[in-house]
Amino acid sequence: MLLVVIGVLGFILSIVIFIITRLERRKTLVLDLECIYSELCQKFESEIGECKDNMLLIRVLNTGQQAVVVDKNTFKIIGPKKKVNTYETDWVGLNDIPHPLNPGESFEVGIFENTFASYQGYEGYSEDIIPISAEVSDIQGRVYKTRLKYKLLLAVSAIEKGNM
């Protein structure tokens, strides 16, 4: 009887270990949003020349155990009124995306803050707070989204992060 119980427990343990190893090997991208001031965007000077406006950056980090090929045409920054896609306006950093994005590697793409605000209906100075998020897909169609709640503070050009 003891051998049967040990055998059943061993079988259950092997199934649990199989499931855990599958979860560890899945593809995982973490997206983070950041607002940077014009003085900090030197890395994009080859694309845009001198940067005079603040930028919203999406930082993408591969935290999974497999390489991911990111589709550069699927980046979106989502506001309350409109999703701003890569084909609607100019983005920076799209040509510098590593193919494939290996585990532990990261990259950044961005859009000008005033461009995003104008797509949301804000022109000029505003003290409004805009909830925003971001998403991107890989070439197989799997969508990766930001995990935190972000708020864009237009008056001070800053992003506030919070938990979901």
Protein backbone atom coordinates (compact mmCIF):
# COMPACT_ATOMS: atom_id res chain seq x y z
CA MET A 1 0.00 0.00 0.00
CA LEU A 2 2.84 2.39 0.86
CA LEU A 3 4.45 1.74 -2.53
CA VAL A 4 1.23 2.66 -4.34
CA VAL A 5 0.98 5.97 -2.45
CA ILE A 6 4.64 6.75 -3.18
CA GLY A 7 4.10 5.90 -6.85
CA VAL A 8 1.06 8.17 -7.14
CA LEU A 9 2.87 11.02 -5.38
CA GLY A 10 5.86 10.57 -7.71
CA PHE A 11 3.58 10.71 -10.74
CA ILE A 12 1.87 13.89 -9.50
CA LEU A 13 5.26 15.45 -8.71
CA SER A 14 6.52 14.69 -12.22
CA ILE A 15 3.46 16.39 -13.77
CA VAL A 16 3.93 19.47 -11.58
CA ILE A 17 7.62 19.69 -12.51
CA PHE A 18 6.73 19.37 -16.21
CA ILE A 19 4.23 22.25 -15.94
CA ILE A 20 6.68 24.46 -14.04
CA THR A 21 9.45 23.93 -16.59
CA ARG A 22 7.05 24.81 -19.44
CA LEU A 23 6.12 28.05 -17.67
CA GLU A 24 9.80 28.93 -17.20
CA ARG A 25 10.54 28.46 -20.91
CA ARG A 26 7.73 30.60 -22.29
CA LYS A 27 8.29 33.85 -24.14
CA THR A 28 7.89 36.88 -21.90
CA LEU A 29 8.37 40.56 -22.70
CA VAL A 30 8.09 43.30 -20.10
CA LEU A 31 7.05 46.74 -21.38
CA ASP A 32 7.82 49.86 -19.39
CA LEU A 33 6.85 53.46 -20.20
CA GLU A 34 9.04 56.45 -19.45
CA CYS A 35 8.99 60.14 -20.32
CA ILE A 36 12.41 61.60 -21.08
CA TYR A 37 13.37 65.23 -21.51
CA SER A 38 14.86 66.53 -24.73
CA GLU A 39 18.35 66.65 -23.20
CA LEU A 40 18.34 62.87 -22.64
CA CYS A 41 17.47 61.67 -26.13
CA GLN A 42 20.97 61.75 -27.64
CA LYS A 43 20.72 58.08 -28.62
CA PHE A 44 18.14 59.01 -31.26
CA GLU A 45 20.09 61.96 -32.73
CA SER A 46 21.13 59.88 -35.75
CA GLU A 47 17.45 59.47 -36.65
CA ILE A 48 15.97 62.86 -35.78
CA GLY A 49 18.87 65.25 -35.46
CA GLU A 50 18.72 67.58 -32.50
CA CYS A 51 15.94 66.60 -30.12
CA LYS A 52 13.90 69.60 -28.97
CA ASP A 53 10.81 67.92 -27.54
CA ASN A 54 10.16 65.47 -24.72
CA MET A 55 9.62 61.85 -25.66
CA LEU A 56 7.53 58.93 -24.44
CA LEU A 57 9.66 55.80 -24.49
CA ILE A 58 8.61 52.17 -24.48
CA ARG A 59 11.37 50.03 -23.00
CA VAL A 60 11.04 46.36 -23.97
CA LEU A 61 12.90 43.70 -21.96
CA ASN A 62 12.90 39.99 -22.76
CA THR A 63 12.57 38.26 -19.38
CA GLY A 64 11.67 34.87 -20.84
CA GLN A 65 13.92 31.97 -21.73
CA GLN A 66 13.38 32.14 -25.49
CA ALA A 67 14.32 34.68 -28.12
CA VAL A 68 11.44 36.80 -29.43
CA VAL A 69 11.18 38.48 -32.82
CA VAL A 70 9.26 41.71 -32.27
CA ASP A 71 7.11 43.08 -35.10
CA LYS A 72 8.16 46.74 -35.31
CA ASN A 73 4.89 47.72 -37.01
CA THR A 74 2.72 46.75 -34.03
CA PHE A 75 3.84 49.24 -31.36
CA LYS A 76 0.99 51.20 -29.81
CA ILE A 77 0.73 53.76 -27.04
CA ILE A 78 -2.84 53.70 -25.84
CA GLY A 79 -4.59 56.72 -24.40
CA PRO A 80 -8.20 57.22 -23.32
CA LYS A 81 -9.26 58.60 -26.72
CA LYS A 82 -7.00 56.91 -29.28
CA LYS A 83 -4.33 54.30 -29.87
CA VAL A 84 -1.28 55.82 -31.53
CA ASN A 85 0.17 53.21 -33.93
CA THR A 86 3.51 53.17 -35.70
CA TYR A 87 1.93 53.82 -39.09
CA GLU A 88 0.13 57.00 -37.95
CA THR A 89 3.10 59.14 -36.93
CA ASP A 90 6.88 59.15 -36.62
CA TRP A 91 8.49 56.85 -34.07
CA VAL A 92 12.17 56.63 -33.20
CA GLY A 93 14.21 53.53 -32.51
CA LEU A 94 12.20 51.18 -34.75
CA ASN A 95 15.20 50.49 -37.00
CA ASP A 96 17.42 49.59 -34.02
CA ILE A 97 15.30 46.68 -32.75
CA PRO A 98 17.47 43.55 -32.41
CA HIS A 99 16.23 40.53 -34.37
CA PRO A 100 15.78 38.29 -32.47
CA LEU A 101 15.58 39.84 -29.01
CA ASN A 102 17.52 37.36 -26.92
CA PRO A 103 16.77 36.63 -23.24
CA GLY A 104 17.97 39.46 -21.02
CA GLU A 105 18.27 41.99 -23.87
CA SER A 106 16.27 45.20 -24.14
CA PHE A 107 15.66 48.12 -26.48
CA GLU A 108 13.70 51.37 -26.57
CA VAL A 109 11.37 52.99 -29.07
CA GLY A 110 9.69 56.33 -28.67
CA ILE A 111 7.24 58.95 -29.82
CA PHE A 112 7.20 62.68 -29.15
CA GLU A 113 5.07 63.60 -26.15
CA ASN A 114 3.34 66.53 -27.86
CA THR A 115 2.40 64.27 -30.82
CA PHE A 116 0.78 61.76 -28.47
CA ALA A 117 -1.02 64.54 -26.59
CA SER A 118 -2.38 66.02 -29.83
CA TYR A 119 -3.78 62.59 -30.81
CA GLN A 120 -5.57 62.60 -27.45
CA GLY A 121 -7.01 66.07 -28.11
CA TYR A 122 -4.65 68.16 -25.96
CA GLU A 123 -2.95 71.13 -27.58
CA GLY A 124 -0.54 73.44 -25.78
CA TYR A 125 -0.25 73.57 -22.01
CA SER A 126 -2.54 71.30 -20.03
CA GLU A 127 -2.70 70.20 -16.41
CA ASP A 128 -4.58 67.04 -17.29
CA ILE A 129 -3.53 63.54 -16.32
CA ILE A 130 -3.83 60.96 -19.09
CA PRO A 131 -3.95 57.22 -18.32
CA ILE A 132 -1.72 55.44 -20.84
CA SER A 133 -0.47 51.96 -21.63
CA ALA A 134 1.52 50.29 -24.40
CA GLU A 135 1.50 47.08 -26.37
CA VAL A 136 3.45 45.28 -29.06
CA SER A 137 3.19 41.94 -30.85
CA ASP A 138 5.73 39.40 -31.97
CA ILE A 139 5.75 38.03 -35.51
CA GLN A 140 3.55 35.13 -34.43
CA GLY A 141 0.81 37.55 -33.30
CA ARG A 142 1.18 37.20 -29.54
CA VAL A 143 0.42 40.55 -27.87
CA TYR A 144 2.51 41.86 -24.97
CA LYS A 145 1.11 44.69 -22.84
CA THR A 146 2.28 46.89 -20.00
CA ARG A 147 1.58 45.31 -16.63
CA LEU A 148 1.36 48.51 -14.58
CA LYS A 149 -1.03 51.45 -14.71
CA TYR A 150 0.68 54.55 -16.08
CA LYS A 151 -0.46 58.16 -15.94
CA LEU A 152 1.04 60.88 -18.10
CA LEU A 153 1.19 64.19 -16.24
CA LEU A 154 1.14 66.70 -19.08
CA ALA A 155 1.98 69.78 -16.99
CA VAL A 156 5.34 68.40 -15.86
CA SER A 157 6.05 65.86 -18.64
CA ALA A 158 6.32 62.93 -16.28
CA ILE A 159 4.90 59.43 -16.04
CA GLU A 160 3.56 58.08 -12.77
CA LYS A 161 3.57 54.31 -12.30
CA GLY A 162 1.16 52.29 -10.21
CA ASN A 163 0.02 48.71 -9.72
CA MET A 164 -2.90 47.16 -11.55
